[in-house]
Amino acid sequence: MSEGADDRGSEPRPTQSPDDAVGSLEGMIRRLETIVGSLDSDTLELEQALALFEEGVGHVRKAQEILADAELKVEELIGRDGDTVQPLVEEPREADG
């Protein structure tokens, strides 16, 4: 058997490089772009397309959570009205005396 050969048939396996860690928003976006490109190619079997679509939906949901958390953090920092800026970390006050 040649190196890299797979004797499990044509079972779809999503591939990811270490640079596309799904834990980061940027990694998810890169992976989603790859998935969309693959789905647009019209060369996938139905099972492969469904597996990639399912993976993509998972990445989109996780990305939405990350963005919602970031939005909350921004609202905490600047206030909902956008006029009040809150410090990220409270500065310790020195005692008088």
C-alpha atoms as a PDB file:
ATOM      1  CA  MET A   1       0.000   0.000   0.000  1.00  0.00           C
ATOM      2  CA  SER A   2       1.374   3.429  -0.904  1.00  0.00           C
ATOM      3  CA  GLU A   3       2.057   6.094   1.703  1.00  0.00           C
ATOM      4  CA  GLY A   4      -1.034   8.140   2.499  1.00  0.00           C
ATOM      5  CA  ALA A   5      -3.401   5.571   1.000  1.00  0.00           C
ATOM      6  CA  ASP A   6      -6.660   5.037   2.854  1.00  0.00           C
ATOM      7  CA  ASP A   7      -8.234   1.585   2.775  1.00  0.00           C
ATOM      8  CA  ARG A   8     -11.507   2.811   4.285  1.00  0.00           C
ATOM      9  CA  GLY A   9     -13.034   3.723   0.942  1.00  0.00           C
ATOM     10  CA  SER A  10     -14.262   7.164  -0.011  1.00  0.00           C
ATOM     11  CA  GLU A  11     -15.551   8.083   3.448  1.00  0.00           C
ATOM     12  CA  PRO A  12     -15.452  11.905   3.740  1.00  0.00           C
ATOM     13  CA  ARG A  13     -12.953  13.215   6.288  1.00  0.00           C
ATOM     14  CA  PRO A  14     -12.727  16.937   6.941  1.00  0.00           C
ATOM     15  CA  THR A  15      -9.103  18.014   6.937  1.00  0.00           C
ATOM     16  CA  GLN A  16      -7.705  20.885   8.949  1.00  0.00           C
ATOM     17  CA  SER A  17      -4.244  22.261   9.317  1.00  0.00           C
ATOM     18  CA  PRO A  18      -2.938  23.282  12.747  1.00  0.00           C
ATOM     19  CA  ASP A  19      -3.129  26.921  11.604  1.00  0.00           C
ATOM     20  CA  ASP A  20      -6.900  26.625  11.324  1.00  0.00           C
ATOM     21  CA  ALA A  21      -7.541  25.819  14.964  1.00  0.00           C
ATOM     22  CA  VAL A  22     -11.287  25.847  15.377  1.00  0.00           C
ATOM     23  CA  GLY A  23     -10.919  27.491  18.764  1.00  0.00           C
ATOM     24  CA  SER A  24     -10.172  30.852  17.173  1.00  0.00           C
ATOM     25  CA  LEU A  25     -12.604  32.971  15.242  1.00  0.00           C
ATOM     26  CA  GLU A  26     -10.051  33.497  12.486  1.00  0.00           C
ATOM     27  CA  GLY A  27      -9.467  29.750  12.204  1.00  0.00           C
ATOM     28  CA  MET A  28     -13.190  29.120  11.926  1.00  0.00           C
ATOM     29  CA  ILE A  29     -13.545  31.743   9.215  1.00  0.00           C
ATOM     30  CA  ARG A  30     -10.679  30.209   7.224  1.00  0.00           C
ATOM     31  CA  ARG A  31     -12.217  26.750   7.587  1.00  0.00           C
ATOM     32  CA  LEU A  32     -15.644  28.073   6.552  1.00  0.00           C
ATOM     33  CA  GLU A  33     -14.098  29.623   3.441  1.00  0.00           C
ATOM     34  CA  THR A  34     -12.550  26.255   2.594  1.00  0.00           C
ATOM     35  CA  ILE A  35     -15.865  24.481   3.170  1.00  0.00           C
ATOM     36  CA  VAL A  36     -17.763  26.948   0.985  1.00  0.00           C
ATOM     37  CA  GLY A  37     -15.177  26.530  -1.780  1.00  0.00           C
ATOM     38  CA  SER A  38     -15.533  22.758  -1.611  1.00  0.00           C
ATOM     39  CA  LEU A  39     -19.324  22.923  -1.650  1.00  0.00           C
ATOM     40  CA  ASP A  40     -19.268  25.341  -4.591  1.00  0.00           C
ATOM     41  CA  SER A  41     -17.048  23.011  -6.613  1.00  0.00           C
ATOM     42  CA  ASP A  42     -19.876  20.550  -7.367  1.00  0.00           C
ATOM     43  CA  THR A  43     -17.381  17.672  -7.220  1.00  0.00           C
ATOM     44  CA  LEU A  44     -18.451  16.217  -3.865  1.00  0.00           C
ATOM     45  CA  GLU A  45     -20.634  13.208  -3.289  1.00  0.00           C
ATOM     46  CA  LEU A  46     -23.814  13.926  -1.342  1.00  0.00           C
ATOM     47  CA  GLU A  47     -22.458  12.353   1.846  1.00  0.00           C
ATOM     48  CA  GLN A  48     -19.289  14.464   1.663  1.00  0.00           C
ATOM     49  CA  ALA A  49     -21.282  17.619   1.013  1.00  0.00           C
ATOM     50  CA  LEU A  50     -23.583  16.912   3.976  1.00  0.00           C
ATOM     51  CA  ALA A  51     -20.623  16.237   6.286  1.00  0.00           C
ATOM     52  CA  LEU A  52     -18.962  19.508   5.273  1.00  0.00           C
ATOM     53  CA  PHE A  53     -22.249  21.401   5.599  1.00  0.00           C
ATOM     54  CA  GLU A  54     -22.750  20.004   9.110  1.00  0.00           C
ATOM     55  CA  GLU A  55     -19.200  20.980  10.065  1.00  0.00           C
ATOM     56  CA  GLY A  56     -19.770  24.476   8.678  1.00  0.00           C
ATOM     57  CA  VAL A  57     -22.983  24.946  10.648  1.00  0.00           C
ATOM     58  CA  GLY A  58     -21.098  24.038  13.819  1.00  0.00           C
ATOM     59  CA  HIS A  59     -18.400  26.609  13.046  1.00  0.00           C
ATOM     60  CA  VAL A  60     -20.995  29.294  12.325  1.00  0.00           C
ATOM     61  CA  ARG A  61     -22.760  28.650  15.626  1.00  0.00           C
ATOM     62  CA  LYS A  62     -19.502  28.776  17.588  1.00  0.00           C
ATOM     63  CA  ALA A  63     -18.444  31.963  15.757  1.00  0.00           C
ATOM     64  CA  GLN A  64     -21.791  33.563  16.659  1.00  0.00           C
ATOM     65  CA  GLU A  65     -21.152  32.750  20.331  1.00  0.00           C
ATOM     66  CA  ILE A  66     -17.667  34.289  20.172  1.00  0.00           C
ATOM     67  CA  LEU A  67     -19.016  37.437  18.519  1.00  0.00           C
ATOM     68  CA  ALA A  68     -21.874  37.729  21.030  1.00  0.00           C
ATOM     69  CA  ASP A  69     -19.363  37.486  23.892  1.00  0.00           C
ATOM     70  CA  ALA A  70     -17.200  40.162  22.270  1.00  0.00           C
ATOM     71  CA  GLU A  71     -20.231  42.408  21.815  1.00  0.00           C
ATOM     72  CA  LEU A  72     -21.094  42.046  25.507  1.00  0.00           C
ATOM     73  CA  LYS A  73     -17.530  42.939  26.461  1.00  0.00           C
ATOM     74  CA  VAL A  74     -17.651  46.055  24.264  1.00  0.00           C
ATOM     75  CA  GLU A  75     -20.977  47.067  25.812  1.00  0.00           C
ATOM     76  CA  GLU A  76     -19.471  46.621  29.274  1.00  0.00           C
ATOM     77  CA  LEU A  77     -16.536  48.828  28.329  1.00  0.00           C
ATOM     78  CA  ILE A  78     -18.357  51.665  26.590  1.00  0.00           C
ATOM     79  CA  GLY A  79     -21.845  51.332  27.998  1.00  0.00           C
ATOM     80  CA  ARG A  80     -24.986  50.586  26.042  1.00  0.00           C
ATOM     81  CA  ASP A  81     -25.505  54.244  25.150  1.00  0.00           C
ATOM     82  CA  GLY A  82     -21.965  54.531  23.780  1.00  0.00           C
ATOM     83  CA  ASP A  83     -21.271  57.668  25.814  1.00  0.00           C
ATOM     84  CA  THR A  84     -19.714  56.146  28.914  1.00  0.00           C
ATOM     85  CA  VAL A  85     -16.311  54.511  28.777  1.00  0.00           C
ATOM     86  CA  GLN A  86     -15.581  52.049  31.556  1.00  0.00           C
ATOM     87  CA  PRO A  87     -12.011  51.006  32.389  1.00  0.00           C
ATOM     88  CA  LEU A  88     -11.207  47.388  31.640  1.00  0.00           C
ATOM     89  CA  VAL A  89      -9.524  46.984  35.030  1.00  0.00           C
ATOM     90  CA  GLU A  90     -10.196  49.171  38.025  1.00  0.00           C
ATOM     91  CA  GLU A  91      -7.086  51.121  39.049  1.00  0.00           C
ATOM     92  CA  PRO A  92      -6.244  50.599  42.751  1.00  0.00           C
ATOM     93  CA  ARG A  93      -6.680  53.762  44.795  1.00  0.00           C
ATOM     94  CA  GLU A  94      -3.933  54.841  47.149  1.00  0.00           C
ATOM     95  CA  ALA A  95      -4.967  55.478  50.739  1.00  0.00           C
ATOM     96  CA  ASP A  96      -4.613  59.051  51.964  1.00  0.00           C
ATOM     97  CA  GLY A  97      -2.418  59.617  54.918  1.00  0.00           C
END
